[in-house]
N, C-alpha and C. Protein backbone atom coordinates (compact mmCIF):
# COMPACT_ATOMS: atom_id res chain seq x y z
N MET A 1 180.12 1.17 51.51
CA MET A 1 178.92 1.45 50.73
C MET A 1 177.93 0.30 50.88
N LYS A 2 176.67 0.64 51.08
CA LYS A 2 175.61 -0.38 51.16
C LYS A 2 174.92 -0.49 49.81
N VAL A 3 174.91 -1.70 49.26
CA VAL A 3 174.21 -1.98 48.02
C VAL A 3 173.20 -3.09 48.32
N TYR A 4 172.30 -3.31 47.40
CA TYR A 4 171.21 -4.24 47.75
C TYR A 4 170.62 -4.92 46.51
N GLY A 5 169.93 -6.02 46.79
CA GLY A 5 169.27 -6.77 45.73
C GLY A 5 170.01 -8.05 45.37
N LYS A 6 169.28 -9.04 44.91
CA LYS A 6 169.86 -10.33 44.57
C LYS A 6 170.85 -10.23 43.42
N ASN A 7 170.48 -9.49 42.36
CA ASN A 7 171.36 -9.39 41.20
C ASN A 7 172.68 -8.73 41.56
N VAL A 8 172.62 -7.71 42.41
CA VAL A 8 173.84 -7.03 42.83
C VAL A 8 174.73 -7.99 43.61
N PHE A 9 174.14 -8.75 44.52
CA PHE A 9 174.94 -9.72 45.28
C PHE A 9 175.59 -10.73 44.35
N ASN A 10 174.83 -11.23 43.38
CA ASN A 10 175.38 -12.23 42.46
C ASN A 10 176.52 -11.66 41.61
N GLU A 11 176.48 -10.35 41.32
CA GLU A 11 177.58 -9.72 40.60
C GLU A 11 178.82 -9.62 41.48
N LEU A 12 178.62 -9.39 42.77
CA LEU A 12 179.74 -9.22 43.68
C LEU A 12 180.39 -10.54 44.08
N LYS A 13 179.72 -11.65 43.81
CA LYS A 13 180.24 -12.95 44.22
C LYS A 13 181.60 -13.27 43.61
N SER A 14 181.87 -12.67 42.45
CA SER A 14 183.13 -12.99 41.78
C SER A 14 184.34 -12.45 42.54
N ASP A 15 184.10 -11.53 43.46
CA ASP A 15 185.17 -10.98 44.28
C ASP A 15 184.70 -10.95 45.73
N ILE A 16 184.80 -12.08 46.38
CA ILE A 16 184.28 -12.23 47.74
C ILE A 16 184.95 -11.25 48.71
N SER A 17 186.21 -10.91 48.46
CA SER A 17 186.93 -10.02 49.36
C SER A 17 186.30 -8.63 49.42
N SER A 18 185.50 -8.27 48.41
CA SER A 18 184.86 -6.95 48.39
C SER A 18 183.62 -6.91 49.29
N ILE A 19 183.15 -8.08 49.70
CA ILE A 19 181.95 -8.15 50.54
C ILE A 19 182.35 -8.14 52.01
N LYS A 20 181.98 -7.08 52.70
CA LYS A 20 182.34 -6.94 54.11
C LYS A 20 181.32 -7.59 55.04
N LYS A 21 180.06 -7.43 54.71
CA LYS A 21 179.00 -8.01 55.53
C LYS A 21 177.71 -8.05 54.73
N VAL A 22 176.83 -8.99 55.11
CA VAL A 22 175.54 -9.12 54.45
C VAL A 22 174.43 -9.09 55.50
N TYR A 23 173.38 -8.34 55.19
CA TYR A 23 172.19 -8.33 56.03
C TYR A 23 171.09 -9.07 55.28
N LEU A 24 170.48 -10.04 55.95
CA LEU A 24 169.38 -10.79 55.35
C LEU A 24 168.12 -10.60 56.19
N SER A 25 166.99 -10.43 55.51
CA SER A 25 165.73 -10.33 56.25
C SER A 25 165.32 -11.72 56.72
N LYS A 26 164.52 -11.78 57.75
CA LYS A 26 164.07 -13.06 58.29
C LYS A 26 163.26 -13.86 57.27
N SER A 27 162.67 -13.15 56.31
CA SER A 27 161.85 -13.82 55.29
C SER A 27 162.64 -14.17 54.03
N PHE A 28 163.93 -13.85 54.00
CA PHE A 28 164.74 -14.13 52.82
C PHE A 28 164.87 -15.65 52.64
N ASN A 29 164.54 -16.14 51.44
CA ASN A 29 164.49 -17.59 51.25
C ASN A 29 165.22 -18.09 50.00
N ASP A 30 166.17 -17.29 49.50
CA ASP A 30 166.94 -17.74 48.34
C ASP A 30 168.02 -18.71 48.84
N LYS A 31 167.75 -19.99 48.70
CA LYS A 31 168.63 -21.02 49.25
C LYS A 31 170.02 -21.00 48.64
N GLU A 32 170.11 -20.66 47.36
CA GLU A 32 171.41 -20.65 46.68
C GLU A 32 172.31 -19.55 47.27
N ILE A 33 171.75 -18.36 47.48
CA ILE A 33 172.52 -17.26 48.04
C ILE A 33 172.89 -17.55 49.49
N ILE A 34 171.95 -18.07 50.25
CA ILE A 34 172.23 -18.39 51.65
C ILE A 34 173.34 -19.43 51.76
N SER A 35 173.29 -20.44 50.91
CA SER A 35 174.33 -21.48 50.92
C SER A 35 175.68 -20.89 50.56
N PHE A 36 175.69 -20.01 49.57
CA PHE A 36 176.95 -19.39 49.15
C PHE A 36 177.56 -18.59 50.29
N ILE A 37 176.74 -17.84 50.99
CA ILE A 37 177.21 -17.02 52.11
C ILE A 37 177.82 -17.89 53.20
N LYS A 38 177.13 -18.98 53.52
CA LYS A 38 177.61 -19.86 54.59
C LYS A 38 178.87 -20.63 54.17
N GLU A 39 178.86 -21.14 52.96
CA GLU A 39 180.00 -21.93 52.49
C GLU A 39 181.28 -21.10 52.38
N ASN A 40 181.12 -19.81 52.08
CA ASN A 40 182.29 -18.94 51.93
C ASN A 40 182.57 -18.13 53.19
N LYS A 41 181.84 -18.48 54.26
CA LYS A 41 182.07 -17.88 55.58
C LYS A 41 182.02 -16.35 55.53
N ILE A 42 181.03 -15.83 54.81
CA ILE A 42 180.82 -14.39 54.73
C ILE A 42 180.03 -13.95 55.96
N SER A 43 180.46 -12.91 56.60
CA SER A 43 179.77 -12.40 57.79
C SER A 43 178.36 -11.93 57.41
N TYR A 44 177.36 -12.40 58.15
CA TYR A 44 175.99 -11.99 57.84
C TYR A 44 175.16 -11.88 59.12
N THR A 45 174.11 -11.09 59.03
CA THR A 45 173.18 -10.90 60.14
C THR A 45 171.76 -11.02 59.62
N VAL A 46 170.93 -11.76 60.33
CA VAL A 46 169.52 -11.88 59.99
C VAL A 46 168.75 -10.87 60.83
N THR A 47 167.96 -10.04 60.16
CA THR A 47 167.29 -8.96 60.89
C THR A 47 165.87 -8.75 60.38
N GLU A 48 165.17 -7.86 61.03
CA GLU A 48 163.79 -7.56 60.65
C GLU A 48 163.75 -6.80 59.33
N ASN A 49 162.72 -7.06 58.54
CA ASN A 49 162.57 -6.41 57.25
C ASN A 49 162.41 -4.90 57.43
N LYS A 50 161.69 -4.49 58.47
CA LYS A 50 161.46 -3.06 58.71
C LYS A 50 162.78 -2.34 59.01
N THR A 51 163.66 -3.01 59.70
CA THR A 51 164.97 -2.43 60.00
C THR A 51 165.76 -2.23 58.72
N MET A 52 165.68 -3.21 57.82
CA MET A 52 166.40 -3.12 56.56
C MET A 52 165.83 -2.03 55.65
N ASP A 53 164.52 -1.81 55.75
CA ASP A 53 163.89 -0.75 54.95
C ASP A 53 164.50 0.61 55.25
N LYS A 54 164.94 0.79 56.49
CA LYS A 54 165.50 2.07 56.90
C LYS A 54 166.98 2.20 56.53
N MET A 55 167.60 1.10 56.15
CA MET A 55 169.04 1.11 55.86
C MET A 55 169.36 1.61 54.46
N VAL A 56 168.45 1.40 53.51
CA VAL A 56 168.69 1.80 52.13
C VAL A 56 167.44 2.45 51.55
N ASP A 57 167.61 3.20 50.50
CA ASP A 57 166.50 3.88 49.83
C ASP A 57 166.15 3.13 48.55
N GLY A 58 165.41 2.05 48.70
CA GLY A 58 165.05 1.25 47.53
C GLY A 58 164.58 -0.13 47.94
N LYS A 59 164.13 -0.91 46.98
CA LYS A 59 163.64 -2.27 47.25
C LYS A 59 164.83 -3.22 47.35
N HIS A 60 165.11 -3.64 48.56
CA HIS A 60 166.33 -4.44 48.80
C HIS A 60 166.15 -5.93 48.58
N GLN A 61 164.92 -6.39 48.40
CA GLN A 61 164.64 -7.81 48.15
C GLN A 61 165.13 -8.72 49.29
N GLY A 62 165.27 -8.13 50.46
CA GLY A 62 165.65 -8.95 51.62
C GLY A 62 167.15 -9.17 51.77
N ILE A 63 167.97 -8.47 50.99
CA ILE A 63 169.42 -8.64 51.11
C ILE A 63 170.13 -7.30 50.88
N ILE A 64 170.96 -6.93 51.85
CA ILE A 64 171.78 -5.71 51.77
C ILE A 64 173.23 -6.12 51.97
N VAL A 65 174.11 -5.60 51.13
CA VAL A 65 175.52 -5.96 51.19
C VAL A 65 176.37 -4.72 51.51
N VAL A 66 177.21 -4.85 52.51
CA VAL A 66 178.18 -3.80 52.80
C VAL A 66 179.45 -4.14 52.02
N THR A 67 179.84 -3.25 51.13
CA THR A 67 180.97 -3.53 50.25
C THR A 67 181.93 -2.35 50.20
N ASN A 68 183.06 -2.56 49.58
CA ASN A 68 184.03 -1.48 49.43
C ASN A 68 183.44 -0.36 48.56
N ASP A 69 183.86 0.87 48.82
CA ASP A 69 183.46 1.96 47.95
C ASP A 69 184.02 1.71 46.55
N TYR A 70 183.32 2.24 45.55
CA TYR A 70 183.74 2.04 44.17
C TYR A 70 185.11 2.66 43.93
N GLU A 71 185.96 1.95 43.23
CA GLU A 71 187.29 2.46 42.90
C GLU A 71 187.27 3.04 41.49
N TYR A 72 187.36 4.37 41.44
CA TYR A 72 187.34 5.05 40.15
C TYR A 72 188.66 4.83 39.40
N LYS A 73 188.56 4.84 38.09
CA LYS A 73 189.73 4.61 37.24
C LYS A 73 190.38 5.93 36.83
N ASP A 74 191.60 5.86 36.30
CA ASP A 74 192.31 7.02 35.78
C ASP A 74 191.88 7.23 34.32
N TYR A 75 191.36 8.42 34.02
CA TYR A 75 190.85 8.66 32.66
C TYR A 75 191.93 8.57 31.59
N LYS A 76 193.19 8.73 31.99
CA LYS A 76 194.27 8.65 31.00
C LYS A 76 194.39 7.25 30.41
N GLY A 77 193.85 6.27 31.13
CA GLY A 77 193.84 4.91 30.60
C GLY A 77 192.78 4.70 29.54
N MET A 78 191.96 5.75 29.27
CA MET A 78 190.88 5.65 28.29
C MET A 78 191.28 6.19 26.92
N TYR A 79 192.52 6.69 26.80
CA TYR A 79 192.95 7.28 25.53
C TYR A 79 192.96 6.29 24.37
N SER A 80 193.04 5.00 24.68
CA SER A 80 193.09 3.99 23.62
C SER A 80 191.69 3.59 23.13
N ASP A 81 190.65 4.09 23.81
CA ASP A 81 189.28 3.77 23.41
C ASP A 81 188.87 4.54 22.16
N LYS A 82 187.87 4.03 21.47
CA LYS A 82 187.33 4.71 20.29
C LYS A 82 186.19 5.66 20.67
N LEU A 83 185.50 5.34 21.75
CA LEU A 83 184.37 6.17 22.19
C LEU A 83 184.36 6.23 23.71
N VAL A 84 184.38 7.46 24.23
CA VAL A 84 184.33 7.71 25.67
C VAL A 84 183.16 8.65 25.94
N ILE A 85 182.41 8.39 27.01
CA ILE A 85 181.27 9.22 27.37
C ILE A 85 181.62 10.10 28.56
N MET A 86 181.27 11.37 28.47
CA MET A 86 181.46 12.29 29.59
C MET A 86 180.09 12.83 30.02
N LEU A 87 179.81 12.77 31.32
CA LEU A 87 178.54 13.25 31.85
C LEU A 87 178.78 14.58 32.56
N ASP A 88 178.14 15.63 32.06
CA ASP A 88 178.34 16.97 32.60
C ASP A 88 177.35 17.23 33.73
N HIS A 89 177.74 16.83 34.95
CA HIS A 89 176.95 17.07 36.16
C HIS A 89 175.53 16.48 36.10
N LEU A 90 175.46 15.24 35.66
CA LEU A 90 174.21 14.49 35.73
C LEU A 90 173.83 14.33 37.20
N GLU A 91 172.54 14.38 37.52
CA GLU A 91 172.12 14.36 38.91
C GLU A 91 171.33 13.12 39.31
N ASP A 92 170.65 12.51 38.38
CA ASP A 92 169.77 11.38 38.69
C ASP A 92 170.55 10.06 38.63
N PRO A 93 170.66 9.34 39.76
CA PRO A 93 171.39 8.07 39.75
C PRO A 93 170.75 7.02 38.85
N HIS A 94 169.43 7.11 38.64
CA HIS A 94 168.77 6.17 37.74
C HIS A 94 169.20 6.42 36.29
N ASN A 95 169.35 7.68 35.93
CA ASN A 95 169.86 8.00 34.59
C ASN A 95 171.29 7.49 34.43
N PHE A 96 172.10 7.72 35.45
CA PHE A 96 173.49 7.27 35.41
C PHE A 96 173.56 5.76 35.24
N GLY A 97 172.79 5.05 36.05
CA GLY A 97 172.79 3.59 35.97
C GLY A 97 172.33 3.09 34.61
N ALA A 98 171.31 3.76 34.05
CA ALA A 98 170.79 3.37 32.74
C ALA A 98 171.83 3.62 31.65
N ILE A 99 172.58 4.72 31.76
CA ILE A 99 173.62 5.02 30.78
C ILE A 99 174.74 3.98 30.85
N ILE A 100 175.11 3.60 32.06
CA ILE A 100 176.13 2.56 32.23
C ILE A 100 175.67 1.27 31.55
N ARG A 101 174.42 0.93 31.77
CA ARG A 101 173.87 -0.30 31.19
C ARG A 101 173.85 -0.24 29.66
N THR A 102 173.44 0.90 29.11
CA THR A 102 173.41 1.08 27.66
C THR A 102 174.82 1.01 27.07
N CYS A 103 175.76 1.68 27.74
CA CYS A 103 177.14 1.67 27.24
C CYS A 103 177.70 0.26 27.19
N GLU A 104 177.49 -0.50 28.25
CA GLU A 104 178.01 -1.88 28.28
C GLU A 104 177.39 -2.70 27.16
N ALA A 105 176.09 -2.52 26.92
CA ALA A 105 175.42 -3.27 25.86
C ALA A 105 175.95 -2.89 24.49
N ALA A 106 176.38 -1.63 24.34
CA ALA A 106 176.87 -1.14 23.05
C ALA A 106 178.37 -1.38 22.88
N GLY A 107 179.01 -1.94 23.90
CA GLY A 107 180.44 -2.18 23.81
C GLY A 107 181.28 -0.96 24.10
N VAL A 108 180.72 -0.02 24.86
CA VAL A 108 181.44 1.20 25.26
C VAL A 108 181.77 1.06 26.74
N TYR A 109 183.05 1.16 27.08
CA TYR A 109 183.45 0.78 28.43
C TYR A 109 184.10 1.88 29.26
N SER A 110 183.95 3.14 28.83
CA SER A 110 184.59 4.22 29.58
C SER A 110 183.65 5.42 29.73
N ILE A 111 183.46 5.85 30.98
CA ILE A 111 182.59 6.98 31.29
C ILE A 111 183.32 7.90 32.26
N ILE A 112 183.18 9.21 32.04
CA ILE A 112 183.82 10.20 32.89
C ILE A 112 182.76 11.06 33.57
N ILE A 113 182.92 11.29 34.87
CA ILE A 113 182.00 12.15 35.62
C ILE A 113 182.81 13.17 36.42
N PRO A 114 182.19 14.31 36.78
CA PRO A 114 182.88 15.31 37.59
C PRO A 114 182.83 14.94 39.07
N LYS A 115 183.79 15.44 39.82
CA LYS A 115 183.87 15.13 41.24
C LYS A 115 182.77 15.83 42.03
N ASP A 116 182.45 17.06 41.67
CA ASP A 116 181.48 17.85 42.43
C ASP A 116 180.19 18.09 41.65
N ARG A 117 179.12 18.32 42.39
CA ARG A 117 177.81 18.72 41.84
C ARG A 117 177.26 17.75 40.80
N GLY A 118 177.47 16.48 41.04
CA GLY A 118 176.93 15.48 40.13
C GLY A 118 176.81 14.14 40.82
N VAL A 119 176.10 13.23 40.21
CA VAL A 119 175.90 11.92 40.80
C VAL A 119 177.21 11.12 40.76
N SER A 120 177.43 10.34 41.80
CA SER A 120 178.59 9.44 41.85
C SER A 120 178.08 8.00 41.87
N VAL A 121 179.00 7.06 41.90
CA VAL A 121 178.60 5.66 41.94
C VAL A 121 178.10 5.35 43.35
N ASN A 122 176.81 5.07 43.47
CA ASN A 122 176.23 4.71 44.75
C ASN A 122 175.37 3.46 44.59
N SER A 123 174.65 3.13 45.64
CA SER A 123 173.86 1.88 45.63
C SER A 123 172.78 1.90 44.56
N THR A 124 172.16 3.06 44.34
CA THR A 124 171.10 3.16 43.32
C THR A 124 171.67 2.98 41.93
N VAL A 125 172.83 3.57 41.69
CA VAL A 125 173.49 3.43 40.39
C VAL A 125 173.85 1.96 40.14
N MET A 126 174.40 1.32 41.16
CA MET A 126 174.77 -0.09 41.02
C MET A 126 173.55 -0.95 40.75
N LYS A 127 172.45 -0.66 41.46
CA LYS A 127 171.22 -1.43 41.28
C LYS A 127 170.65 -1.22 39.88
N THR A 128 170.59 0.04 39.43
CA THR A 128 170.01 0.36 38.14
C THR A 128 170.84 -0.18 36.98
N SER A 129 172.14 -0.21 37.15
CA SER A 129 173.00 -0.68 36.07
C SER A 129 172.89 -2.19 35.85
N ALA A 130 172.25 -2.88 36.80
CA ALA A 130 171.96 -4.31 36.66
C ALA A 130 173.18 -5.15 36.31
N GLY A 131 174.29 -4.87 37.00
CA GLY A 131 175.50 -5.67 36.80
C GLY A 131 176.48 -5.11 35.79
N ALA A 132 176.02 -4.15 34.97
CA ALA A 132 176.89 -3.60 33.92
C ALA A 132 178.07 -2.82 34.51
N LEU A 133 177.90 -2.29 35.71
CA LEU A 133 178.96 -1.50 36.33
C LEU A 133 180.25 -2.29 36.48
N GLU A 134 180.14 -3.59 36.64
CA GLU A 134 181.31 -4.44 36.80
C GLU A 134 182.17 -4.50 35.53
N HIS A 135 181.59 -4.07 34.41
CA HIS A 135 182.28 -4.20 33.12
C HIS A 135 182.57 -2.85 32.46
N VAL A 136 182.26 -1.76 33.15
CA VAL A 136 182.47 -0.42 32.61
C VAL A 136 183.39 0.36 33.54
N ASN A 137 184.34 1.08 32.98
CA ASN A 137 185.27 1.89 33.78
C ASN A 137 184.71 3.29 33.98
N ILE A 138 184.68 3.74 35.23
CA ILE A 138 184.21 5.08 35.55
C ILE A 138 185.37 5.89 36.10
N ALA A 139 185.62 7.05 35.51
CA ALA A 139 186.66 7.96 36.01
C ALA A 139 185.99 9.20 36.59
N MET A 140 186.49 9.67 37.73
CA MET A 140 185.98 10.90 38.33
C MET A 140 187.08 11.96 38.25
N VAL A 141 186.75 13.13 37.71
CA VAL A 141 187.76 14.17 37.47
C VAL A 141 187.38 15.48 38.18
N ASN A 142 188.39 16.29 38.45
CA ASN A 142 188.17 17.57 39.11
C ASN A 142 187.67 18.64 38.16
N ASN A 143 188.10 18.58 36.90
CA ASN A 143 187.79 19.64 35.96
C ASN A 143 187.45 19.05 34.58
N LEU A 144 186.21 19.21 34.16
CA LEU A 144 185.79 18.63 32.88
C LEU A 144 186.50 19.28 31.70
N ASN A 145 186.66 20.60 31.76
CA ASN A 145 187.29 21.29 30.63
C ASN A 145 188.74 20.88 30.43
N LYS A 146 189.48 20.74 31.51
CA LYS A 146 190.86 20.28 31.41
C LYS A 146 190.91 18.87 30.83
N THR A 147 189.96 18.04 31.28
CA THR A 147 189.91 16.66 30.78
C THR A 147 189.59 16.64 29.29
N ILE A 148 188.67 17.49 28.87
CA ILE A 148 188.35 17.60 27.45
C ILE A 148 189.59 17.98 26.66
N ASP A 149 190.34 18.94 27.17
CA ASP A 149 191.56 19.39 26.50
C ASP A 149 192.58 18.25 26.39
N ASP A 150 192.70 17.45 27.45
CA ASP A 150 193.62 16.32 27.42
C ASP A 150 193.21 15.30 26.36
N PHE A 151 191.91 15.07 26.22
CA PHE A 151 191.45 14.12 25.21
C PHE A 151 191.70 14.65 23.80
N LYS A 152 191.52 15.95 23.61
CA LYS A 152 191.80 16.55 22.31
C LYS A 152 193.27 16.35 21.92
N LYS A 153 194.14 16.51 22.92
CA LYS A 153 195.58 16.35 22.67
C LYS A 153 195.93 14.92 22.31
N ASN A 154 195.01 14.00 22.64
CA ASN A 154 195.25 12.58 22.34
C ASN A 154 194.38 12.08 21.18
N GLY A 155 194.02 13.01 20.31
CA GLY A 155 193.37 12.63 19.06
C GLY A 155 191.87 12.49 19.07
N PHE A 156 191.21 12.94 20.12
CA PHE A 156 189.75 12.81 20.20
C PHE A 156 189.06 14.06 19.64
N PHE A 157 187.94 13.85 18.96
CA PHE A 157 187.06 14.92 18.53
C PHE A 157 185.91 14.94 19.52
N VAL A 158 185.55 16.12 20.02
CA VAL A 158 184.58 16.21 21.12
C VAL A 158 183.22 16.67 20.60
N TYR A 159 182.21 15.84 20.83
CA TYR A 159 180.84 16.15 20.44
C TYR A 159 180.00 16.37 21.70
N GLY A 160 179.22 17.44 21.70
CA GLY A 160 178.32 17.70 22.82
C GLY A 160 176.88 17.51 22.39
N ALA A 161 176.09 16.79 23.18
CA ALA A 161 174.69 16.54 22.84
C ALA A 161 173.81 17.67 23.36
N ASP A 162 173.06 18.30 22.45
CA ASP A 162 172.19 19.42 22.82
C ASP A 162 171.08 19.53 21.79
N MET A 163 170.02 20.25 22.14
CA MET A 163 168.88 20.37 21.22
C MET A 163 169.25 21.15 19.95
N ASN A 164 170.08 22.17 20.10
CA ASN A 164 170.40 23.04 18.96
C ASN A 164 171.75 22.68 18.35
N GLY A 165 171.75 21.61 17.59
CA GLY A 165 172.99 21.17 16.96
C GLY A 165 172.71 20.48 15.65
N HIS A 166 173.74 19.87 15.07
CA HIS A 166 173.58 19.14 13.82
C HIS A 166 172.95 17.77 14.09
N ASN A 167 172.09 17.37 13.19
CA ASN A 167 171.46 16.07 13.30
C ASN A 167 172.54 14.98 13.34
N TYR A 168 172.53 14.19 14.41
CA TYR A 168 173.57 13.17 14.57
C TYR A 168 173.60 12.17 13.41
N LYS A 169 172.45 11.99 12.75
CA LYS A 169 172.38 11.05 11.63
C LYS A 169 173.15 11.53 10.41
N ASP A 170 173.36 12.85 10.32
CA ASP A 170 174.02 13.42 9.14
C ASP A 170 175.53 13.55 9.29
N LEU A 171 176.04 13.16 10.45
CA LEU A 171 177.46 13.39 10.72
C LEU A 171 178.32 12.16 10.44
N ASP A 172 179.50 12.43 9.95
CA ASP A 172 180.51 11.38 9.78
C ASP A 172 181.44 11.48 10.99
N PHE A 173 181.12 10.75 12.03
CA PHE A 173 181.84 10.89 13.30
C PHE A 173 183.32 10.54 13.16
N SER A 174 184.12 11.22 13.96
CA SER A 174 185.55 11.02 13.97
C SER A 174 185.90 9.60 14.41
N GLU A 175 187.12 9.19 14.16
CA GLU A 175 187.58 7.86 14.55
C GLU A 175 187.61 7.69 16.06
N LYS A 176 188.00 8.77 16.77
CA LYS A 176 188.04 8.74 18.23
C LYS A 176 187.12 9.83 18.76
N VAL A 177 186.12 9.42 19.54
CA VAL A 177 185.05 10.34 19.96
C VAL A 177 184.96 10.45 21.47
N LEU A 178 184.85 11.70 21.94
CA LEU A 178 184.45 11.97 23.32
C LEU A 178 183.08 12.61 23.23
N LEU A 179 182.06 11.94 23.75
CA LEU A 179 180.68 12.42 23.67
C LEU A 179 180.25 12.96 25.03
N VAL A 180 179.83 14.23 25.05
CA VAL A 180 179.41 14.87 26.31
C VAL A 180 177.89 14.91 26.40
N ILE A 181 177.36 14.39 27.50
CA ILE A 181 175.92 14.43 27.78
C ILE A 181 175.70 15.40 28.93
N GLY A 182 174.80 16.36 28.76
CA GLY A 182 174.59 17.40 29.74
C GLY A 182 173.67 17.03 30.89
N ASN A 183 173.54 17.94 31.82
CA ASN A 183 172.65 17.82 32.97
C ASN A 183 171.20 17.68 32.52
N GLU A 184 170.40 16.95 33.30
CA GLU A 184 169.01 16.68 32.93
C GLU A 184 168.19 17.94 32.67
N GLY A 185 168.42 18.98 33.45
CA GLY A 185 167.61 20.19 33.31
C GLY A 185 168.31 21.32 32.59
N LYS A 186 169.58 21.52 32.88
CA LYS A 186 170.31 22.67 32.34
C LYS A 186 171.13 22.35 31.09
N GLY A 187 171.30 21.08 30.81
CA GLY A 187 172.14 20.71 29.68
C GLY A 187 173.61 20.89 30.01
N MET A 188 174.43 21.13 29.01
CA MET A 188 175.86 21.32 29.23
C MET A 188 176.14 22.71 29.81
N ALA A 189 177.13 22.78 30.68
CA ALA A 189 177.58 24.08 31.17
C ALA A 189 178.16 24.87 30.00
N ARG A 190 178.13 26.19 30.09
CA ARG A 190 178.57 27.05 28.99
C ARG A 190 180.01 26.75 28.56
N LEU A 191 180.90 26.68 29.51
CA LEU A 191 182.31 26.46 29.17
C LEU A 191 182.53 25.07 28.57
N VAL A 192 181.79 24.09 29.04
CA VAL A 192 181.90 22.74 28.49
C VAL A 192 181.39 22.73 27.05
N ARG A 193 180.27 23.40 26.84
CA ARG A 193 179.71 23.48 25.49
C ARG A 193 180.69 24.16 24.53
N GLU A 194 181.31 25.25 24.99
CA GLU A 194 182.25 25.98 24.15
C GLU A 194 183.50 25.15 23.85
N ALA A 195 183.82 24.22 24.72
CA ALA A 195 185.01 23.37 24.53
C ALA A 195 184.75 22.26 23.51
N CYS A 196 183.49 22.00 23.21
CA CYS A 196 183.16 20.93 22.25
C CYS A 196 183.53 21.36 20.83
N ASP A 197 183.93 20.40 20.01
CA ASP A 197 184.25 20.68 18.61
C ASP A 197 182.98 20.80 17.77
N GLU A 198 181.96 20.06 18.18
CA GLU A 198 180.70 20.10 17.42
C GLU A 198 179.54 19.73 18.35
N ILE A 199 178.39 20.37 18.11
CA ILE A 199 177.17 20.07 18.87
C ILE A 199 176.27 19.19 18.02
N VAL A 200 175.79 18.11 18.61
CA VAL A 200 174.91 17.18 17.88
C VAL A 200 173.56 17.12 18.57
N SER A 201 172.54 16.86 17.79
CA SER A 201 171.19 16.77 18.35
C SER A 201 170.43 15.61 17.73
N ILE A 202 169.33 15.27 18.37
CA ILE A 202 168.45 14.20 17.91
C ILE A 202 167.18 14.84 17.36
N PRO A 203 166.81 14.57 16.12
CA PRO A 203 165.57 15.16 15.59
C PRO A 203 164.36 14.68 16.38
N GLN A 204 163.49 15.63 16.71
CA GLN A 204 162.31 15.30 17.48
C GLN A 204 161.07 15.82 16.76
N TYR A 205 160.02 15.03 16.77
CA TYR A 205 158.84 15.34 15.96
C TYR A 205 157.57 15.52 16.80
N GLY A 206 157.69 15.36 18.10
CA GLY A 206 156.53 15.51 18.97
C GLY A 206 156.38 16.94 19.47
N LYS A 207 155.45 17.13 20.37
CA LYS A 207 155.19 18.45 20.93
C LYS A 207 156.07 18.75 22.13
N ILE A 208 156.62 17.71 22.75
CA ILE A 208 157.49 17.90 23.91
C ILE A 208 158.93 17.75 23.43
N ASN A 209 159.62 18.87 23.32
CA ASN A 209 160.98 18.86 22.77
C ASN A 209 162.01 18.56 23.85
N SER A 210 161.92 17.38 24.40
CA SER A 210 162.86 17.00 25.45
C SER A 210 162.95 15.48 25.54
N LEU A 211 164.17 14.98 25.71
CA LEU A 211 164.39 13.56 25.88
C LEU A 211 165.12 13.32 27.20
N ASN A 212 164.78 12.23 27.87
CA ASN A 212 165.51 11.83 29.05
C ASN A 212 166.99 11.68 28.71
N ALA A 213 167.86 12.09 29.63
CA ALA A 213 169.31 12.06 29.38
C ALA A 213 169.81 10.68 28.99
N SER A 214 169.31 9.65 29.67
CA SER A 214 169.78 8.31 29.37
C SER A 214 169.27 7.82 28.00
N VAL A 215 168.06 8.24 27.64
CA VAL A 215 167.51 7.87 26.33
C VAL A 215 168.31 8.56 25.22
N ALA A 216 168.57 9.86 25.40
CA ALA A 216 169.34 10.60 24.42
C ALA A 216 170.74 10.01 24.26
N ALA A 217 171.36 9.68 25.39
CA ALA A 217 172.69 9.07 25.34
C ALA A 217 172.66 7.77 24.56
N GLY A 218 171.65 6.94 24.82
CA GLY A 218 171.54 5.65 24.15
C GLY A 218 171.41 5.78 22.64
N ILE A 219 170.57 6.74 22.21
CA ILE A 219 170.36 6.93 20.77
C ILE A 219 171.65 7.34 20.08
N ILE A 220 172.34 8.33 20.65
CA ILE A 220 173.56 8.83 20.01
C ILE A 220 174.70 7.82 20.09
N VAL A 221 174.81 7.14 21.23
CA VAL A 221 175.86 6.13 21.37
C VAL A 221 175.73 5.06 20.29
N TYR A 222 174.51 4.57 20.09
CA TYR A 222 174.33 3.55 19.06
C TYR A 222 174.51 4.12 17.66
N GLY A 223 174.19 5.41 17.49
CA GLY A 223 174.42 6.05 16.21
C GLY A 223 175.90 6.09 15.89
N ILE A 224 176.72 6.33 16.91
CA ILE A 224 178.18 6.37 16.71
C ILE A 224 178.73 4.97 16.51
N VAL A 225 178.31 4.03 17.34
CA VAL A 225 178.81 2.66 17.27
C VAL A 225 178.48 2.02 15.92
N ASN A 226 177.30 2.33 15.39
CA ASN A 226 176.85 1.72 14.14
C ASN A 226 177.17 2.56 12.91
N ARG A 227 178.07 3.53 13.05
CA ARG A 227 178.41 4.42 11.92
C ARG A 227 179.01 3.61 10.77
């Protein structure tokens, strides 16, 4: 996987073995990073900025890192958590990265995503999460409904975020919560929605009755954490 940016490189420094190669632009002038690369004998290539522009889809800041693919965790290891987030086929990597960042800031360290038809951990997600990905566990599952059922069997109450539900401010959330956030455009799939124990919503007072998925997740996550 190719990731990019100074902050991403600095996050990866703690595990040098994960860095396979580094590409630096000829104009890259961060002396601290260059010294670290040389001192630790990390393989690197200096190349044209235009060539690097074609390697990734984003502002690379003159540094691209080839690293191991993300290692997803086993969701069964999340049963001891108090709050777990499930993303129902989220598509925008920027939303995913922002949710990871919000969760880490709120002290929530477990997120579940589906294997198909949704965003996975990629370079944009890593960049957007601004280092938070290193501290949050991501599990990828084949079937969301089966996973929901497994969490229920382990004492979790499942809340789904949707426009037509109970005001999250009025709820006395369960001790162990699995919170489902739906797709940016379609919301939760029908079967996933039906599997939820309760639907929660955020009161909205404007003319546009829609919130960005990552914003909605942040509001409800903090509402649960601060209960």
